[in-house]
Protein backbone atom coordinates (compact mmCIF):
# COMPACT_ATOMS: atom_id res chain seq x y z
CA MET A 1 -16.23 16.12 -9.71
CA GLU A 2 -19.48 16.61 -11.72
CA PRO A 3 -22.48 18.36 -10.03
CA VAL A 4 -24.66 15.98 -8.10
CA SER A 5 -28.22 15.78 -9.03
CA PRO A 6 -30.71 15.91 -5.95
CA GLY A 7 -31.06 12.29 -4.79
CA GLU A 8 -28.50 10.71 -7.22
CA TRP A 9 -27.49 7.29 -6.20
CA ILE A 10 -23.85 6.16 -6.12
CA GLY A 11 -23.11 2.36 -5.33
CA LEU A 12 -20.56 1.28 -2.77
CA ILE A 13 -19.29 -2.23 -3.14
CA ALA A 14 -17.66 -2.58 0.31
CA GLY A 15 -14.92 -4.87 1.52
CA LYS A 16 -13.10 -4.77 4.88
CA GLY A 17 -11.57 -1.79 6.89
CA ARG A 18 -12.51 1.79 7.55
CA PHE A 19 -12.31 2.88 3.84
CA PRO A 20 -15.79 1.97 3.03
CA ILE A 21 -17.09 4.17 5.90
CA ILE A 22 -14.91 6.94 4.93
CA PHE A 23 -16.02 6.85 1.51
CA ALA A 24 -19.70 6.65 2.47
CA GLU A 25 -19.45 9.53 4.86
CA ASN A 26 -17.68 11.74 2.28
CA ALA A 27 -20.21 10.89 -0.60
CA LYS A 28 -23.17 11.92 1.70
CA LYS A 29 -21.52 15.26 2.42
CA LEU A 30 -21.31 15.75 -1.46
CA GLY A 31 -25.00 15.13 -1.71
CA TYR A 32 -25.05 11.40 -3.03
CA THR A 33 -27.60 8.89 -1.83
CA VAL A 34 -25.48 5.89 -1.15
CA SER A 35 -26.43 2.21 -1.71
CA ALA A 36 -23.85 -0.20 -0.28
CA VAL A 37 -23.50 -3.95 -1.05
CA ALA A 38 -21.55 -5.27 1.87
CA HIS A 39 -19.92 -8.65 2.23
CA VAL A 40 -20.75 -10.93 5.26
CA GLY A 41 -17.69 -11.52 7.45
CA GLU A 42 -15.77 -8.74 5.87
CA THR A 43 -17.61 -5.49 5.80
CA ASP A 44 -17.73 -3.54 9.19
CA PRO A 45 -21.44 -3.58 10.17
CA ALA A 46 -21.02 0.04 11.30
CA LEU A 47 -21.32 0.78 7.75
CA GLU A 48 -25.04 0.37 8.15
CA GLN A 49 -25.26 3.69 10.11
CA VAL A 50 -23.69 5.72 7.34
CA VAL A 51 -25.41 4.70 4.08
CA ASP A 52 -29.02 5.03 2.80
CA ARG A 53 -29.43 1.38 1.93
CA ILE A 54 -27.37 -1.71 2.48
CA HIS A 55 -27.48 -5.11 0.88
CA TRP A 56 -25.54 -8.04 2.59
CA ILE A 57 -24.26 -10.74 0.33
CA ARG A 58 -21.76 -13.53 0.52
CA ILE A 59 -18.53 -13.49 -1.24
CA GLY A 60 -19.14 -14.47 -4.73
CA GLN A 61 -22.75 -13.68 -5.13
CA LEU A 62 -22.13 -11.65 -8.24
CA ASN A 63 -25.56 -11.64 -9.53
CA LYS A 64 -27.12 -10.58 -6.21
CA LEU A 65 -24.70 -7.64 -6.11
CA ILE A 66 -25.51 -6.39 -9.58
CA ARG A 67 -29.27 -6.85 -8.95
CA ALA A 68 -29.12 -4.84 -5.65
CA LEU A 69 -27.43 -1.93 -7.43
CA LYS A 70 -29.73 -2.02 -10.45
CA ASP A 71 -32.83 -2.15 -8.12
CA ASP A 72 -31.53 1.00 -6.40
CA GLY A 73 -31.04 2.88 -9.60
CA VAL A 74 -27.37 2.99 -9.44
CA ARG A 75 -25.45 4.05 -12.63
CA GLN A 76 -22.00 4.48 -11.10
CA ALA A 77 -20.24 2.71 -8.33
CA VAL A 78 -16.86 2.06 -6.49
CA MET A 79 -15.21 -1.01 -5.15
CA VAL A 80 -13.56 0.07 -1.86
CA GLY A 81 -11.95 -2.02 0.85
CA GLY A 82 -10.33 -5.34 0.15
CA ILE A 83 -11.56 -8.91 0.70
CA LYS A 84 -9.20 -10.99 3.12
CA LYS A 85 -7.48 -13.32 0.74
CA THR A 86 -7.52 -16.26 3.05
CA HIS A 87 -11.30 -16.10 3.14
CA LEU A 88 -11.34 -17.02 -0.57
CA PHE A 89 -10.29 -20.54 0.30
CA SER A 90 -13.30 -21.06 2.66
CA ASP A 91 -16.13 -18.50 2.55
CA VAL A 92 -16.82 -17.98 -1.19
CA ARG A 93 -20.37 -18.85 -2.18
CA PRO A 94 -20.04 -18.35 -5.98
CA ASP A 95 -23.66 -18.07 -7.87
CA LEU A 96 -23.84 -19.24 -11.38
CA ARG A 97 -23.00 -15.86 -12.68
CA ALA A 98 -19.69 -15.85 -10.73
CA ILE A 99 -18.94 -19.46 -11.72
CA ALA A 100 -19.50 -18.59 -15.44
CA LEU A 101 -17.09 -15.54 -15.12
CA PHE A 102 -14.43 -17.25 -13.16
CA SER A 103 -14.49 -20.15 -15.71
CA ARG A 104 -13.35 -17.72 -18.42
CA LEU A 105 -10.22 -16.52 -16.44
CA LYS A 106 -7.04 -17.95 -17.64
CA VAL A 107 -4.84 -16.49 -14.77
CA TRP A 108 -6.17 -16.16 -11.15
CA LYS A 109 -4.47 -12.89 -10.18
CA ASP A 110 -6.01 -10.02 -8.21
CA ASP A 111 -6.11 -7.67 -11.02
CA GLY A 112 -7.50 -9.99 -13.52
CA ILE A 113 -10.19 -11.06 -11.17
CA LEU A 114 -11.25 -7.56 -10.30
CA ARG A 115 -11.20 -6.24 -13.91
CA ALA A 116 -13.34 -9.18 -14.98
CA ILE A 117 -15.83 -8.46 -12.19
CA ALA A 118 -15.75 -4.76 -13.19
CA LYS A 119 -16.39 -5.52 -16.58
CA GLU A 120 -19.29 -7.75 -15.76
CA ILE A 121 -20.84 -5.01 -13.66
CA GLU A 122 -20.20 -2.47 -16.34
CA SER A 123 -22.00 -4.54 -18.92
CA GLU A 124 -25.33 -3.96 -16.92
CA GLY A 125 -24.85 -0.17 -17.39
CA ILE A 126 -23.04 0.71 -14.03
CA THR A 127 -19.77 2.54 -14.47
CA ILE A 128 -17.11 1.54 -11.91
CA ARG A 129 -15.23 4.68 -10.83
CA GLU A 130 -11.81 5.09 -9.24
CA SER A 131 -11.86 4.18 -5.41
CA THR A 132 -10.79 7.69 -4.59
CA PHE A 133 -13.82 9.21 -6.35
CA GLY A 134 -14.91 12.58 -4.65
CA LEU A 135 -12.13 12.23 -2.08
CA ARG A 136 -9.47 14.98 -1.83
CA ASP A 137 -6.25 14.60 0.23
CA ILE A 138 -6.79 11.08 0.98
CA LEU A 139 -3.60 9.86 -1.04
CA VAL A 140 -0.16 9.97 0.66
CA PRO A 141 1.79 12.95 -0.47
CA VAL A 142 5.58 13.11 -1.49
CA GLY A 143 8.02 13.91 1.50
CA GLU A 144 8.59 13.35 5.18
CA LEU A 145 5.17 13.16 6.98
CA SER A 146 6.15 12.45 10.52
CA LYS A 147 8.23 14.50 12.94
CA ARG A 148 11.04 12.01 13.03
CA ARG A 149 13.07 11.65 9.86
CA PRO A 150 14.61 8.36 8.58
CA THR A 151 18.20 7.98 9.49
CA LYS A 152 20.78 7.42 6.66
CA LYS A 153 20.74 3.76 7.52
CA GLU A 154 17.10 3.46 7.25
CA LEU A 155 16.93 5.29 4.06
CA GLU A 156 19.41 2.73 2.72
CA ASP A 157 16.94 -0.07 3.72
CA ILE A 158 14.08 1.99 2.13
CA HIS A 159 15.97 2.07 -1.12
CA PHE A 160 16.86 -1.79 -0.99
CA GLY A 161 13.22 -2.56 -0.03
CA TRP A 162 11.67 -0.47 -2.65
CA ALA A 163 13.31 -2.34 -5.54
CA ILE A 164 12.19 -5.75 -4.00
CA ALA A 165 8.73 -4.44 -3.20
CA LYS A 166 8.24 -3.44 -6.91
CA GLU A 167 9.19 -6.78 -8.04
CA ILE A 168 6.54 -8.61 -5.97
CA CYS A 169 4.03 -6.07 -7.04
CA GLN A 170 5.01 -6.77 -10.78
CA ILE A 171 4.23 -10.40 -10.25
CA ASP A 172 1.28 -9.86 -8.01
CA ILE A 173 2.28 -11.54 -4.81
CA GLY A 174 1.81 -8.66 -2.49
CA GLN A 175 2.50 -4.94 -1.89
CA CYS A 176 4.68 -4.81 1.13
CA VAL A 177 8.17 -5.99 2.40
CA VAL A 178 9.85 -5.61 5.69
CA VAL A 179 13.57 -4.87 5.80
CA LYS A 180 16.38 -4.84 8.30
CA ASP A 181 20.04 -4.19 7.50
CA LYS A 182 19.41 -4.65 3.80
CA VAL A 183 17.94 -8.05 4.52
CA ILE A 184 14.25 -8.95 3.37
CA VAL A 185 12.74 -10.42 6.54
CA ALA A 186 9.19 -10.65 5.26
CA VAL A 187 7.31 -10.48 2.01
CA GLU A 188 3.44 -9.91 2.10
CA ALA A 189 1.43 -12.59 0.63
CA VAL A 190 -2.21 -13.60 1.27
CA GLU A 191 -1.92 -12.94 4.98
CA GLY A 192 -1.95 -9.13 4.30
CA THR A 193 0.24 -6.25 5.47
CA ASP A 194 -0.45 -6.39 9.19
CA GLU A 195 0.54 -10.00 9.57
CA ALA A 196 3.64 -9.46 7.28
CA ILE A 197 4.61 -6.66 9.45
CA ARG A 198 4.21 -8.81 12.63
CA ARG A 199 6.22 -11.63 11.18
CA GLY A 200 9.09 -9.42 9.72
CA GLY A 201 9.13 -7.42 12.97
CA ALA A 202 9.40 -10.43 15.14
CA LEU A 203 12.39 -11.60 13.13
CA ALA A 204 14.01 -8.28 12.89
CA ARG A 205 13.54 -7.75 16.69
CA LYS A 206 13.66 -3.90 16.53
CA GLY A 207 14.09 -1.21 13.82
CA ALA A 208 12.41 -2.96 10.99
CA VAL A 209 11.66 -0.77 7.93
CA VAL A 210 8.19 -1.40 6.23
CA VAL A 211 8.04 -0.46 2.52
CA LYS A 212 4.62 -0.50 0.80
CA CYS A 213 3.98 0.32 -2.89
CA SER A 214 1.56 -0.04 -5.64
CA LYS A 215 1.57 -2.35 -8.70
CA PRO A 216 3.01 -1.16 -12.01
CA GLN A 217 0.22 0.21 -14.06
CA GLN A 218 -2.04 0.26 -10.98
CA ASP A 219 -5.76 0.33 -11.74
CA LEU A 220 -7.05 3.16 -9.63
CA ARG A 221 -10.53 1.67 -9.39
CA PHE A 222 -9.49 -1.00 -7.06
CA ASP A 223 -6.83 -2.53 -4.85
CA LEU A 224 -4.82 0.60 -4.07
CA PRO A 225 -2.58 -0.03 -0.97
CA ALA A 226 -3.98 1.58 2.01
CA VAL A 227 -2.69 2.37 5.61
CA GLY A 228 -4.11 3.75 8.82
CA PRO A 229 -3.76 3.88 12.57
CA GLY A 230 -3.97 0.11 12.75
CA THR A 231 -0.75 -0.13 10.66
CA ILE A 232 1.04 2.17 13.05
CA GLU A 233 -0.21 -0.05 16.05
CA VAL A 234 1.06 -3.15 14.59
CA MET A 235 4.48 -1.57 13.84
CA ARG A 236 4.65 -0.26 17.38
CA GLU A 237 3.85 -3.77 18.75
CA VAL A 238 6.92 -5.12 17.03
CA LYS A 239 9.10 -1.95 17.33
CA ALA A 240 9.38 -1.25 13.77
CA SER A 241 10.81 2.12 12.98
CA VAL A 242 9.97 3.34 9.44
CA LEU A 243 7.06 3.25 7.10
CA ALA A 244 7.85 4.19 3.52
CA LEU A 245 4.87 4.42 1.16
CA GLU A 246 4.40 5.23 -2.43
CA ALA A 247 3.01 8.80 -2.79
CA ASP A 248 -0.07 9.44 -4.82
CA LYS A 249 -0.91 5.81 -4.99
CA THR A 250 -1.46 4.89 -1.35
CA ILE A 251 -4.50 5.63 0.63
CA PHE A 252 -4.03 7.42 3.90
CA LEU A 253 -7.04 6.44 6.42
CA ASP A 254 -7.66 8.69 9.40
CA ARG A 255 -4.51 10.64 8.50
CA GLU A 256 -4.46 12.97 11.70
CA ASP A 257 -4.80 9.92 14.02
CA MET A 258 -2.19 7.88 12.16
CA LEU A 259 0.50 10.53 12.39
CA GLU A 260 -0.33 11.32 15.92
CA GLN A 261 0.29 7.79 16.92
CA ALA A 262 3.41 7.54 14.68
CA ASN A 263 4.82 10.58 16.28
CA ARG A 264 4.02 9.36 19.87
CA ALA A 265 5.82 5.96 18.99
CA GLY A 266 8.96 7.73 17.26
CA ILE A 267 7.99 6.02 13.94
CA ALA A 268 9.15 7.75 10.68
CA ILE A 269 6.74 7.94 7.81
CA ILE A 270 7.70 8.99 4.40
CA GLY A 271 5.90 9.40 0.94
CA MET A 272 8.03 8.20 -1.85
CA ALA A 273 7.93 9.40 -5.39
CA GLU A 274 7.86 6.66 -8.07
CA THR A 275 11.20 7.81 -9.25
CA LEU A 276 12.56 7.18 -5.62
CA SER A 277 13.98 10.80 -5.27
CA VAL A 278 14.72 10.47 -1.60
CA ASN A 279 17.85 12.24 -0.19
CA ARG A 280 20.28 9.44 0.65
CA ASP A 281 22.56 11.92 2.57
CA ALA A 282 19.80 12.68 5.13
């Protein structure tokens, strides 16, 4: 990372979850002054205690977002943490700038919307950086990460689920599938990963395998898949047994806590290379 000038601002466009807080804490350690734009009903209010300045907006208030960053002298920013997709049906308050932007979109897919928003922000002289900017060791590595290894049968479910997960990512439906005995019992859609795991785990009853991967040609600036202790807690609730994640493209939130929970619950976690080079004979 480039040297930080004293008092240099970085913008944090914050969605839900722990990731915005983790990013802000790290940016402060690196010497940045953090200006956060937080979304009402999405962003954890605890972010206020970490950043130097915070601006609360409603989903869709694009002009207010840009004005807040510019007023703080922000020249680079990150988009961290998602927006719960179901809120897009009820909580969006688009301003005129957002309405004009959305009217130019031909296809309403996640990547297209986010790229259009990023392009609009960058047109005002604010560079959108990758969401892992300044963070080391936050991406899932390749290999077996938990104490328990997947069984041969579970590995077969991982390989089966991987191919399906990549297909749903390709067409921008979701990033996660739940598998049991080479049967897809749940596919993530707008409800998010946790609810997909709950639904699939309830159908599988016990021993479900959760596979989560990134989109082909993933834009590292936004929408990277992320997991954390909450993911393991949901898996424990439904007695799911394995979490397979795409290495180098999945964010590991609160890694030590997550692995400790997984080990206590007997859940296997494995980081998958994009080439799927996992030992089938394990």
